[in-house]
Amino acid sequence: MKTVLIIFATATLVQSIMAAISTGPTKIDPNNPNNCLDHETGKSFPIGEYYYPHPDECYVAICSDDTFETQSCGIGRIKPGEICHIKKPRKLPYPECCTDCIGY
């Protein structure tokens, strides 16, 4: 049982550093109850579908009936000592764009 718990905790930690995730309440589109509103842009997109708010930015948004979530690159994709900025315009979709960076 101890081994299973350690493996689960390690897998959770590895997953958490591979992406940065933020969540908040969903704003349902008053004109279309099957859509939610992007918190930043106000654009409407379908519940449960991935939405790329900014074509040049490396992140994605998704919402459910009650949660709005954005996922972006985490620190786990950068090599130790490397400072990295995502190339613009973004050529790859999230999460592949996380490795498409310019090192300084």
PDB file of N, CA and C in Angstrom:
ATOM      1  N   MET A   1       0.825  -1.192   0.000  1.00  0.00           N
ATOM      2  CA  MET A   1       0.000   0.000   0.000  1.00  0.00           C
ATOM      3  C   MET A   1       0.874   1.263   0.000  1.00  0.00           C
ATOM      4  N   LYS A   2       1.965   1.220   0.774  1.00  0.00           N
ATOM      5  CA  LYS A   2       2.877   2.358   0.842  1.00  0.00           C
ATOM      6  C   LYS A   2       3.488   2.659  -0.530  1.00  0.00           C
ATOM      7  N   THR A   3       3.854   1.593  -1.245  1.00  0.00           N
ATOM      8  CA  THR A   3       4.451   1.740  -2.577  1.00  0.00           C
ATOM      9  C   THR A   3       3.468   2.384  -3.548  1.00  0.00           C
ATOM     10  N   VAL A   4       2.216   1.963  -3.518  1.00  0.00           N
ATOM     11  CA  VAL A   4       1.191   2.524  -4.395  1.00  0.00           C
ATOM     12  C   VAL A   4       1.023   4.009  -4.106  1.00  0.00           C
ATOM     13  N   LEU A   5       1.006   4.375  -2.830  1.00  0.00           N
ATOM     14  CA  LEU A   5       0.857   5.781  -2.432  1.00  0.00           C
ATOM     15  C   LEU A   5       2.036   6.617  -2.914  1.00  0.00           C
ATOM     16  N   ILE A   6       3.241   6.094  -2.789  1.00  0.00           N
ATOM     17  CA  ILE A   6       4.443   6.817  -3.244  1.00  0.00           C
ATOM     18  C   ILE A   6       4.412   6.991  -4.759  1.00  0.00           C
ATOM     19  N   ILE A   7       4.046   5.954  -5.496  1.00  0.00           N
ATOM     20  CA  ILE A   7       3.964   6.049  -6.962  1.00  0.00           C
ATOM     21  C   ILE A   7       2.919   7.081  -7.363  1.00  0.00           C
ATOM     22  N   PHE A   8       1.755   7.063  -6.716  1.00  0.00           N
ATOM     23  CA  PHE A   8       0.700   8.033  -7.021  1.00  0.00           C
ATOM     24  C   PHE A   8       1.171   9.461  -6.741  1.00  0.00           C
ATOM     25  N   ALA A   9       1.812   9.679  -5.600  1.00  0.00           N
ATOM     26  CA  ALA A   9       2.288  11.015  -5.240  1.00  0.00           C
ATOM     27  C   ALA A   9       3.340  11.504  -6.229  1.00  0.00           C
ATOM     28  N   THR A  10       4.249  10.617  -6.637  1.00  0.00           N
ATOM     29  CA  THR A  10       5.280  10.984  -7.609  1.00  0.00           C
ATOM     30  C   THR A  10       4.664  11.327  -8.963  1.00  0.00           C
ATOM     31  N   ALA A  11       3.735  10.519  -9.426  1.00  0.00           N
ATOM     32  CA  ALA A  11       3.077  10.781 -10.714  1.00  0.00           C
ATOM     33  C   ALA A  11       2.319  12.098 -10.673  1.00  0.00           C
ATOM     34  N   THR A  12       1.673  12.394  -9.555  1.00  0.00           N
ATOM     35  CA  THR A  12       0.952  13.656  -9.412  1.00  0.00           C
ATOM     36  C   THR A  12       1.911  14.825  -9.458  1.00  0.00           C
ATOM     37  N   LEU A  13       3.048  14.722  -8.781  1.00  0.00           N
ATOM     38  CA  LEU A  13       4.039  15.795  -8.770  1.00  0.00           C
ATOM     39  C   LEU A  13       4.605  16.027 -10.164  1.00  0.00           C
ATOM     40  N   VAL A  14       4.960  14.961 -10.873  1.00  0.00           N
ATOM     41  CA  VAL A  14       5.500  15.095 -12.231  1.00  0.00           C
ATOM     42  C   VAL A  14       4.475  15.768 -13.138  1.00  0.00           C
ATOM     43  N   GLN A  15       3.226  15.341 -13.071  1.00  0.00           N
ATOM     44  CA  GLN A  15       2.179  15.935 -13.903  1.00  0.00           C
ATOM     45  C   GLN A  15       2.007  17.415 -13.580  1.00  0.00           C
ATOM     46  N   SER A  16       2.106  17.783 -12.310  1.00  0.00           N
ATOM     47  CA  SER A  16       1.846  19.169 -11.927  1.00  0.00           C
ATOM     48  C   SER A  16       2.914  20.124 -12.421  1.00  0.00           C
ATOM     49  N   ILE A  17       4.154  19.672 -12.614  1.00  0.00           N
ATOM     50  CA  ILE A  17       5.172  20.593 -13.099  1.00  0.00           C
ATOM     51  C   ILE A  17       5.271  20.623 -14.620  1.00  0.00           C
ATOM     52  N   MET A  18       4.542  19.755 -15.295  1.00  0.00           N
ATOM     53  CA  MET A  18       4.559  19.766 -16.754  1.00  0.00           C
ATOM     54  C   MET A  18       3.609  20.800 -17.332  1.00  0.00           C
ATOM     55  N   ALA A  19       2.724  21.352 -16.517  1.00  0.00           N
ATOM     56  CA  ALA A  19       1.786  22.363 -16.988  1.00  0.00           C
ATOM     57  C   ALA A  19       1.430  23.287 -15.832  1.00  0.00           C
ATOM     58  N   ALA A  20       1.097  24.508 -16.175  1.00  0.00           N
ATOM     59  CA  ALA A  20       0.564  25.445 -15.191  1.00  0.00           C
ATOM     60  C   ALA A  20      -0.935  25.507 -15.441  1.00  0.00           C
ATOM     61  N   ILE A  21      -1.715  25.282 -14.415  1.00  0.00           N
ATOM     62  CA  ILE A  21      -3.165  25.226 -14.557  1.00  0.00           C
ATOM     63  C   ILE A  21      -3.811  26.227 -13.609  1.00  0.00           C
ATOM     64  N   SER A  22      -4.745  27.002 -14.133  1.00  0.00           N
ATOM     65  CA  SER A  22      -5.525  27.885 -13.263  1.00  0.00           C
ATOM     66  C   SER A  22      -7.002  27.603 -13.504  1.00  0.00           C
ATOM     67  N   THR A  23      -7.782  27.694 -12.445  1.00  0.00           N
ATOM     68  CA  THR A  23      -9.211  27.427 -12.554  1.00  0.00           C
ATOM     69  C   THR A  23     -10.014  28.530 -11.892  1.00  0.00           C
ATOM     70  N   GLY A  24     -11.231  28.641 -12.321  1.00  0.00           N
ATOM     71  CA  GLY A  24     -12.167  29.609 -11.757  1.00  0.00           C
ATOM     72  C   GLY A  24     -13.572  29.212 -12.154  1.00  0.00           C
ATOM     73  N   PRO A  25     -14.541  29.983 -11.720  1.00  0.00           N
ATOM     74  CA  PRO A  25     -15.924  29.655 -12.070  1.00  0.00           C
ATOM     75  C   PRO A  25     -16.212  29.946 -13.544  1.00  0.00           C
ATOM     76  N   THR A  26     -17.066  29.134 -14.127  1.00  0.00           N
ATOM     77  CA  THR A  26     -17.483  29.322 -15.518  1.00  0.00           C
ATOM     78  C   THR A  26     -18.488  30.460 -15.622  1.00  0.00           C
ATOM     79  N   LYS A  27     -18.331  31.257 -16.665  1.00  0.00           N
ATOM     80  CA  LYS A  27     -19.341  32.258 -17.004  1.00  0.00           C
ATOM     81  C   LYS A  27     -20.104  31.707 -18.197  1.00  0.00           C
ATOM     82  N   ILE A  28     -21.343  31.310 -17.979  1.00  0.00           N
ATOM     83  CA  ILE A  28     -22.166  30.775 -19.066  1.00  0.00           C
ATOM     84  C   ILE A  28     -22.604  31.924 -19.968  1.00  0.00           C
ATOM     85  N   ASP A  29     -22.554  31.700 -21.279  1.00  0.00           N
ATOM     86  CA  ASP A  29     -22.982  32.701 -22.254  1.00  0.00           C
ATOM     87  C   ASP A  29     -24.509  32.870 -22.147  1.00  0.00           C
ATOM     88  N   PRO A  30     -24.992  34.070 -21.800  1.00  0.00           N
ATOM     89  CA  PRO A  30     -26.436  34.263 -21.664  1.00  0.00           C
ATOM     90  C   PRO A  30     -27.198  34.084 -22.981  1.00  0.00           C
ATOM     91  N   ASN A  31     -26.505  34.227 -24.117  1.00  0.00           N
ATOM     92  CA  ASN A  31     -27.136  34.057 -25.423  1.00  0.00           C
ATOM     93  C   ASN A  31     -27.109  32.614 -25.921  1.00  0.00           C
ATOM     94  N   ASN A  32     -26.273  31.778 -25.303  1.00  0.00           N
ATOM     95  CA  ASN A  32     -26.164  30.378 -25.697  1.00  0.00           C
ATOM     96  C   ASN A  32     -25.759  29.563 -24.468  1.00  0.00           C
ATOM     97  N   PRO A  33     -26.698  28.922 -23.787  1.00  0.00           N
ATOM     98  CA  PRO A  33     -26.389  28.191 -22.556  1.00  0.00           C
ATOM     99  C   PRO A  33     -25.472  26.980 -22.733  1.00  0.00           C
ATOM    100  N   ASN A  34     -25.178  26.592 -23.987  1.00  0.00           N
ATOM    101  CA  ASN A  34     -24.231  25.502 -24.247  1.00  0.00           C
ATOM    102  C   ASN A  34     -22.809  26.013 -24.412  1.00  0.00           C
ATOM    103  N   ASN A  35     -22.622  27.315 -24.253  1.00  0.00           N
ATOM    104  CA  ASN A  35     -21.307  27.932 -24.388  1.00  0.00           C
ATOM    105  C   ASN A  35     -20.932  28.651 -23.096  1.00  0.00           C
ATOM    106  N   CYS A  36     -19.631  28.853 -22.928  1.00  0.00           N
ATOM    107  CA  CYS A  36     -19.172  29.684 -21.828  1.00  0.00           C
ATOM    108  C   CYS A  36     -18.398  30.862 -22.416  1.00  0.00           C
ATOM    109  N   LEU A  37     -18.125  31.851 -21.569  1.00  0.00           N
ATOM    110  CA  LEU A  37     -17.425  33.052 -22.012  1.00  0.00           C
ATOM    111  C   LEU A  37     -15.991  33.044 -21.514  1.00  0.00           C
ATOM    112  N   ASP A  38     -15.066  33.373 -22.409  1.00  0.00           N
ATOM    113  CA  ASP A  38     -13.669  33.530 -22.039  1.00  0.00           C
ATOM    114  C   ASP A  38     -13.580  34.695 -21.059  1.00  0.00           C
ATOM    115  N   HIS A  39     -12.926  34.488 -19.941  1.00  0.00           N
ATOM    116  CA  HIS A  39     -12.810  35.514 -18.903  1.00  0.00           C
ATOM    117  C   HIS A  39     -12.058  36.750 -19.392  1.00  0.00           C
ATOM    118  N   GLU A  40     -11.105  36.545 -20.291  1.00  0.00           N
ATOM    119  CA  GLU A  40     -10.269  37.650 -20.759  1.00  0.00           C
ATOM    120  C   GLU A  40     -10.861  38.377 -21.963  1.00  0.00           C
ATOM    121  N   THR A  41     -11.287  37.617 -22.959  1.00  0.00           N
ATOM    122  CA  THR A  41     -11.716  38.224 -24.227  1.00  0.00           C
ATOM    123  C   THR A  41     -13.227  38.406 -24.328  1.00  0.00           C
ATOM    124  N   GLY A  42     -13.988  37.654 -23.518  1.00  0.00           N
ATOM    125  CA  GLY A  42     -15.440  37.714 -23.604  1.00  0.00           C
ATOM    126  C   GLY A  42     -16.013  36.900 -24.754  1.00  0.00           C
ATOM    127  N   LYS A  43     -15.146  36.211 -25.508  1.00  0.00           N
ATOM    128  CA  LYS A  43     -15.616  35.384 -26.628  1.00  0.00           C
ATOM    129  C   LYS A  43     -16.318  34.144 -26.099  1.00  0.00           C
ATOM    130  N   SER A  44     -17.322  33.702 -26.858  1.00  0.00           N
ATOM    131  CA  SER A  44     -18.110  32.538 -26.504  1.00  0.00           C
ATOM    132  C   SER A  44     -17.531  31.296 -27.182  1.00  0.00           C
ATOM    133  N   PHE A  45     -17.432  30.188 -26.426  1.00  0.00           N
ATOM    134  CA  PHE A  45     -16.987  28.928 -27.014  1.00  0.00           C
ATOM    135  C   PHE A  45     -17.701  27.760 -26.340  1.00  0.00           C
ATOM    136  N   PRO A  46     -17.843  26.621 -27.038  1.00  0.00           N
ATOM    137  CA  PRO A  46     -18.624  25.486 -26.533  1.00  0.00           C
ATOM    138  C   PRO A  46     -18.052  24.876 -25.253  1.00  0.00           C
ATOM    139  N   ILE A  47     -18.938  24.536 -24.338  1.00  0.00           N
ATOM    140  CA  ILE A  47     -18.552  23.839 -23.107  1.00  0.00           C
ATOM    141  C   ILE A  47     -17.936  22.496 -23.480  1.00  0.00           C
ATOM    142  N   GLY A  48     -16.813  22.167 -22.862  1.00  0.00           N
ATOM    143  CA  GLY A  48     -16.151  20.884 -23.082  1.00  0.00           C
ATOM    144  C   GLY A  48     -15.193  20.836 -24.252  1.00  0.00           C
ATOM    145  N   GLU A  49     -15.080  21.922 -25.018  1.00  0.00           N
ATOM    146  CA  GLU A  49     -14.150  21.950 -26.157  1.00  0.00           C
ATOM    147  C   GLU A  49     -12.966  22.850 -25.846  1.00  0.00           C
ATOM    148  N   TYR A  50     -11.785  22.452 -26.338  1.00  0.00           N
ATOM    149  CA  TYR A  50     -10.606  23.282 -26.155  1.00  0.00           C
ATOM    150  C   TYR A  50     -10.710  24.529 -27.015  1.00  0.00           C
ATOM    151  N   TYR A  51     -10.248  25.629 -26.451  1.00  0.00           N
ATOM    152  CA  TYR A  51     -10.331  26.929 -27.100  1.00  0.00           C
ATOM    153  C   TYR A  51      -8.980  27.604 -26.949  1.00  0.00           C
ATOM    154  N   TYR A  52      -8.440  28.121 -28.043  1.00  0.00           N
ATOM    155  CA  TYR A  52      -7.150  28.809 -28.042  1.00  0.00           C
ATOM    156  C   TYR A  52      -7.418  30.307 -28.127  1.00  0.00           C
ATOM    157  N   PRO A  53      -7.468  31.002 -26.981  1.00  0.00           N
ATOM    158  CA  PRO A  53      -7.868  32.413 -26.951  1.00  0.00           C
ATOM    159  C   PRO A  53      -6.986  33.343 -27.774  1.00  0.00           C
ATOM    160  N   HIS A  54      -5.677  33.119 -27.740  1.00  0.00           N
ATOM    161  CA  HIS A  54      -4.745  33.991 -28.449  1.00  0.00           C
ATOM    162  C   HIS A  54      -3.852  33.131 -29.338  1.00  0.00           C
ATOM    163  N   PRO A  55      -3.919  33.312 -30.648  1.00  0.00           N
ATOM    164  CA  PRO A  55      -3.157  32.450 -31.565  1.00  0.00           C
ATOM    165  C   PRO A  55      -1.647  32.452 -31.313  1.00  0.00           C
ATOM    166  N   ASP A  56      -1.110  33.551 -30.785  1.00  0.00           N
ATOM    167  CA  ASP A  56       0.333  33.622 -30.568  1.00  0.00           C
ATOM    168  C   ASP A  56       0.766  33.132 -29.194  1.00  0.00           C
ATOM    169  N   GLU A  57      -0.166  32.852 -28.311  1.00  0.00           N
ATOM    170  CA  GLU A  57       0.176  32.448 -26.951  1.00  0.00           C
ATOM    171  C   GLU A  57       0.094  30.931 -26.814  1.00  0.00           C
ATOM    172  N   CYS A  58       0.931  30.373 -25.963  1.00  0.00           N
ATOM    173  CA  CYS A  58       0.991  28.925 -25.776  1.00  0.00           C
ATOM    174  C   CYS A  58       0.162  28.514 -24.562  1.00  0.00           C
ATOM    175  N   TYR A  59      -1.152  28.560 -24.702  1.00  0.00           N
ATOM    176  CA  TYR A  59      -2.049  28.031 -23.682  1.00  0.00           C
ATOM    177  C   TYR A  59      -3.397  27.726 -24.293  1.00  0.00           C
ATOM    178  N   VAL A  60      -4.200  26.987 -23.538  1.00  0.00           N
ATOM    179  CA  VAL A  60      -5.515  26.574 -23.992  1.00  0.00           C
ATOM    180  C   VAL A  60      -6.496  26.768 -22.839  1.00  0.00           C
ATOM    181  N   ALA A  61      -7.756  27.001 -23.186  1.00  0.00           N
ATOM    182  CA  ALA A  61      -8.821  27.124 -22.186  1.00  0.00           C
ATOM    183  C   ALA A  61      -9.872  26.058 -22.458  1.00  0.00           C
ATOM    184  N   ILE A  62     -10.524  25.623 -21.399  1.00  0.00           N
ATOM    185  CA  ILE A  62     -11.641  24.677 -21.512  1.00  0.00           C
ATOM    186  C   ILE A  62     -12.578  24.955 -20.343  1.00  0.00           C
ATOM    187  N   CYS A  63     -13.860  24.765 -20.554  1.00  0.00           N
ATOM    188  CA  CYS A  63     -14.795  24.976 -19.459  1.00  0.00           C
ATOM    189  C   CYS A  63     -15.782  23.825 -19.366  1.00  0.00           C
ATOM    190  N   SER A  64     -16.316  23.660 -18.168  1.00  0.00           N
ATOM    191  CA  SER A  64     -17.399  22.711 -17.921  1.00  0.00           C
ATOM    192  C   SER A  64     -18.585  23.546 -17.448  1.00  0.00           C
ATOM    193  N   ASP A  65     -19.609  22.903 -16.949  1.00  0.00           N
ATOM    194  CA  ASP A  65     -20.769  23.653 -16.454  1.00  0.00           C
ATOM    195  C   ASP A  65     -20.424  24.565 -15.286  1.00  0.00           C
ATOM    196  N   ASP A  66     -19.366  24.214 -14.539  1.00  0.00           N
ATOM    197  CA  ASP A  66     -19.059  25.020 -13.360  1.00  0.00           C
ATOM    198  C   ASP A  66     -17.610  25.499 -13.238  1.00  0.00           C
ATOM    199  N   THR A  67     -16.692  25.004 -14.082  1.00  0.00           N
ATOM    200  CA  THR A  67     -15.285  25.375 -13.958  1.00  0.00           C
ATOM    201  C   THR A  67     -14.696  25.848 -15.285  1.00  0.00           C
ATOM    202  N   PHE A  68     -13.967  26.970 -15.226  1.00  0.00           N
ATOM    203  CA  PHE A  68     -13.218  27.501 -16.363  1.00  0.00           C
ATOM    204  C   PHE A  68     -11.750  27.236 -16.054  1.00  0.00           C
ATOM    205  N   GLU A  69     -11.035  26.603 -16.980  1.00  0.00           N
ATOM    206  CA  GLU A  69      -9.649  26.225 -16.722  1.00  0.00           C
ATOM    207  C   GLU A  69      -8.759  26.677 -17.868  1.00  0.00           C
ATOM    208  N   THR A  70      -7.576  27.198 -17.526  1.00  0.00           N
ATOM    209  CA  THR A  70      -6.557  27.471 -18.538  1.00  0.00           C
ATOM    210  C   THR A  70      -5.344  26.606 -18.221  1.00  0.00           C
ATOM    211  N   GLN A  71      -4.707  26.099 -19.272  1.00  0.00           N
ATOM    212  CA  GLN A  71      -3.520  25.273 -19.142  1.00  0.00           C
ATOM    213  C   GLN A  71      -2.420  25.898 -19.973  1.00  0.00           C
ATOM    214  N   SER A  72      -1.246  26.074 -19.356  1.00  0.00           N
ATOM    215  CA  SER A  72      -0.103  26.636 -20.077  1.00  0.00           C
ATOM    216  C   SER A  72       1.151  25.855 -19.708  1.00  0.00           C
ATOM    217  N   CYS A  73       2.274  26.266 -20.241  1.00  0.00           N
ATOM    218  CA  CYS A  73       3.531  25.555 -20.018  1.00  0.00           C
ATOM    219  C   CYS A  73       3.961  25.656 -18.562  1.00  0.00           C
ATOM    220  N   GLY A  74       4.451  24.555 -18.016  1.00  0.00           N
ATOM    221  CA  GLY A  74       4.973  24.530 -16.653  1.00  0.00           C
ATOM    222  C   GLY A  74       6.483  24.599 -16.667  1.00  0.00           C
ATOM    223  N   ILE A  75       7.051  24.666 -15.495  1.00  0.00           N
ATOM    224  CA  ILE A  75       8.504  24.785 -15.388  1.00  0.00           C
ATOM    225  C   ILE A  75       9.236  23.506 -15.742  1.00  0.00           C
ATOM    226  N   GLY A  76       8.555  22.374 -15.756  1.00  0.00           N
ATOM    227  CA  GLY A  76       9.197  21.094 -16.034  1.00  0.00           C
ATOM    228  C   GLY A  76       9.725  20.963 -17.446  1.00  0.00           C
ATOM    229  N   ARG A  77       9.325  21.829 -18.348  1.00  0.00           N
ATOM    230  CA  ARG A  77       9.760  21.727 -19.745  1.00  0.00           C
ATOM    231  C   ARG A  77      11.027  22.534 -20.020  1.00  0.00           C
ATOM    232  N   ILE A  78      11.504  23.280 -19.036  1.00  0.00           N
ATOM    233  CA  ILE A  78      12.697  24.101 -19.212  1.00  0.00           C
ATOM    234  C   ILE A  78      13.870  23.389 -18.551  1.00  0.00           C
ATOM    235  N   LYS A  79      15.007  23.360 -19.233  1.00  0.00           N
ATOM    236  CA  LYS A  79      16.196  22.706 -18.680  1.00  0.00           C
ATOM    237  C   LYS A  79      16.757  23.565 -17.547  1.00  0.00           C
ATOM    238  N   PRO A  80      17.409  22.941 -16.563  1.00  0.00           N
ATOM    239  CA  PRO A  80      17.999  23.706 -15.453  1.00  0.00           C
ATOM    240  C   PRO A  80      18.934  24.804 -15.964  1.00  0.00           C
ATOM    241  N   GLY A  81      18.779  26.001 -15.432  1.00  0.00           N
ATOM    242  CA  GLY A  81      19.612  27.137 -15.816  1.00  0.00           C
ATOM    243  C   GLY A  81      19.175  27.850 -17.080  1.00  0.00           C
ATOM    244  N   GLU A  82      18.181  27.331 -17.776  1.00  0.00           N
ATOM    245  CA  GLU A  82      17.725  27.936 -19.025  1.00  0.00           C
ATOM    246  C   GLU A  82      16.582  28.911 -18.745  1.00  0.00           C
ATOM    247  N   ILE A  83      16.652  30.060 -19.362  1.00  0.00           N
ATOM    248  CA  ILE A  83      15.542  31.013 -19.333  1.00  0.00           C
ATOM    249  C   ILE A  83      14.931  30.948 -20.716  1.00  0.00           C
ATOM    250  N   CYS A  84      13.646  30.767 -20.781  1.00  0.00           N
ATOM    251  CA  CYS A  84      13.023  30.480 -22.056  1.00  0.00           C
ATOM    252  C   CYS A  84      11.777  31.327 -22.278  1.00  0.00           C
ATOM    253  N   HIS A  85      11.622  31.843 -23.482  1.00  0.00           N
ATOM    254  CA  HIS A  85      10.428  32.576 -23.888  1.00  0.00           C
ATOM    255  C   HIS A  85       9.863  31.873 -25.114  1.00  0.00           C
ATOM    256  N   ILE A  86       8.555  31.717 -25.160  1.00  0.00           N
ATOM    257  CA  ILE A  86       7.909  31.035 -26.278  1.00  0.00           C
ATOM    258  C   ILE A  86       8.076  31.855 -27.557  1.00  0.00           C
ATOM    259  N   LYS A  87       8.423  31.178 -28.654  1.00  0.00           N
ATOM    260  CA  LYS A  87       8.554  31.857 -29.949  1.00  0.00           C
ATOM    261  C   LYS A  87       7.197  32.385 -30.395  1.00  0.00           C
ATOM    262  N   LYS A  88       7.199  33.546 -30.971  1.00  0.00           N
ATOM    263  CA  LYS A  88       5.974  34.114 -31.542  1.00  0.00           C
ATOM    264  C   LYS A  88       6.272  34.455 -32.990  1.00  0.00           C
ATOM    265  N   PRO A  89       5.377  34.214 -33.920  1.00  0.00           N
ATOM    266  CA  PRO A  89       4.083  33.592 -33.696  1.00  0.00           C
ATOM    267  C   PRO A  89       4.240  32.103 -33.377  1.00  0.00           C
ATOM    268  N   ARG A  90       3.328  31.591 -32.588  1.00  0.00           N
ATOM    269  CA  ARG A  90       3.338  30.197 -32.172  1.00  0.00           C
ATOM    270  C   ARG A  90       3.064  29.324 -33.390  1.00  0.00           C
ATOM    271  N   LYS A  91       3.902  28.318 -33.592  1.00  0.00           N
ATOM    272  CA  LYS A  91       3.735  27.448 -34.759  1.00  0.00           C
ATOM    273  C   LYS A  91       3.086  26.121 -34.394  1.00  0.00           C
ATOM    274  N   LEU A  92       3.187  25.720 -33.145  1.00  0.00           N
ATOM    275  CA  LEU A  92       2.636  24.444 -32.709  1.00  0.00           C
ATOM    276  C   LEU A  92       1.483  24.677 -31.734  1.00  0.00           C
ATOM    277  N   PRO A  93       0.515  23.761 -31.672  1.00  0.00           N
ATOM    278  CA  PRO A  93      -0.573  23.898 -30.699  1.00  0.00           C
ATOM    279  C   PRO A  93      -0.086  23.560 -29.292  1.00  0.00           C
ATOM    280  N   TYR A  94      -0.853  23.957 -28.287  1.00  0.00           N
ATOM    281  CA  TYR A  94      -0.549  23.566 -26.918  1.00  0.00           C
ATOM    282  C   TYR A  94      -0.816  22.072 -26.767  1.00  0.00           C
ATOM    283  N   PRO A  95       0.009  21.280 -26.129  1.00  0.00           N
ATOM    284  CA  PRO A  95       1.190  21.625 -25.343  1.00  0.00           C
ATOM    285  C   PRO A  95       2.501  21.539 -26.102  1.00  0.00           C
ATOM    286  N   GLU A  96       2.452  21.158 -27.387  1.00  0.00           N
ATOM    287  CA  GLU A  96       3.693  21.034 -28.156  1.00  0.00           C
ATOM    288  C   GLU A  96       4.456  22.355 -28.236  1.00  0.00           C
ATOM    289  N   CYS A  97       3.753  23.479 -28.199  1.00  0.00           N
ATOM    290  CA  CYS A  97       4.421  24.778 -28.296  1.00  0.00           C
ATOM    291  C   CYS A  97       5.295  25.066 -27.067  1.00  0.00           C
ATOM    292  N   CYS A  98       5.109  24.336 -25.990  1.00  0.00           N
ATOM    293  CA  CYS A  98       5.918  24.550 -24.790  1.00  0.00           C
ATOM    294  C   CYS A  98       7.395  24.266 -25.035  1.00  0.00           C
ATOM    295  N   THR A  99       7.711  23.420 -25.987  1.00  0.00           N
ATOM    296  CA  THR A  99       9.110  23.118 -26.287  1.00  0.00           C
ATOM    297  C   THR A  99       9.627  23.975 -27.437  1.00  0.00           C
ATOM    298  N   ASP A 100       8.788  24.791 -28.020  1.00  0.00           N
ATOM    299  CA  ASP A 100       9.146  25.654 -29.158  1.00  0.00           C
ATOM    300  C   ASP A 100       9.536  27.020 -28.597  1.00  0.00           C
ATOM    301  N   CYS A 101      10.764  27.070 -28.000  1.00  0.00           N
ATOM    302  CA  CYS A 101      11.140  28.308 -27.298  1.00  0.00           C
ATOM    303  C   CYS A 101      12.515  28.821 -27.713  1.00  0.00           C
ATOM    304  N   ILE A 102      12.748  30.066 -27.371  1.00  0.00           N
ATOM    305  CA  ILE A 102      14.024  30.724 -27.630  1.00  0.00           C
ATOM    306  C   ILE A 102      14.739  30.793 -26.280  1.00  0.00           C
ATOM    307  N   GLY A 103      15.890  30.194 -26.160  1.00  0.00           N
ATOM    308  CA  GLY A 103      16.648  30.263 -24.909  1.00  0.00           C
ATOM    309  C   GLY A 103      17.525  31.499 -24.871  1.00  0.00           C
ATOM    310  N   TYR A 104      17.656  32.098 -23.705  1.00  0.00           N
ATOM    311  CA  TYR A 104      18.531  33.278 -23.526  1.00  0.00           C
ATOM    312  C   TYR A 104      19.629  32.945 -22.555  1.00  0.00           C
TER     313      TYR A 104
END
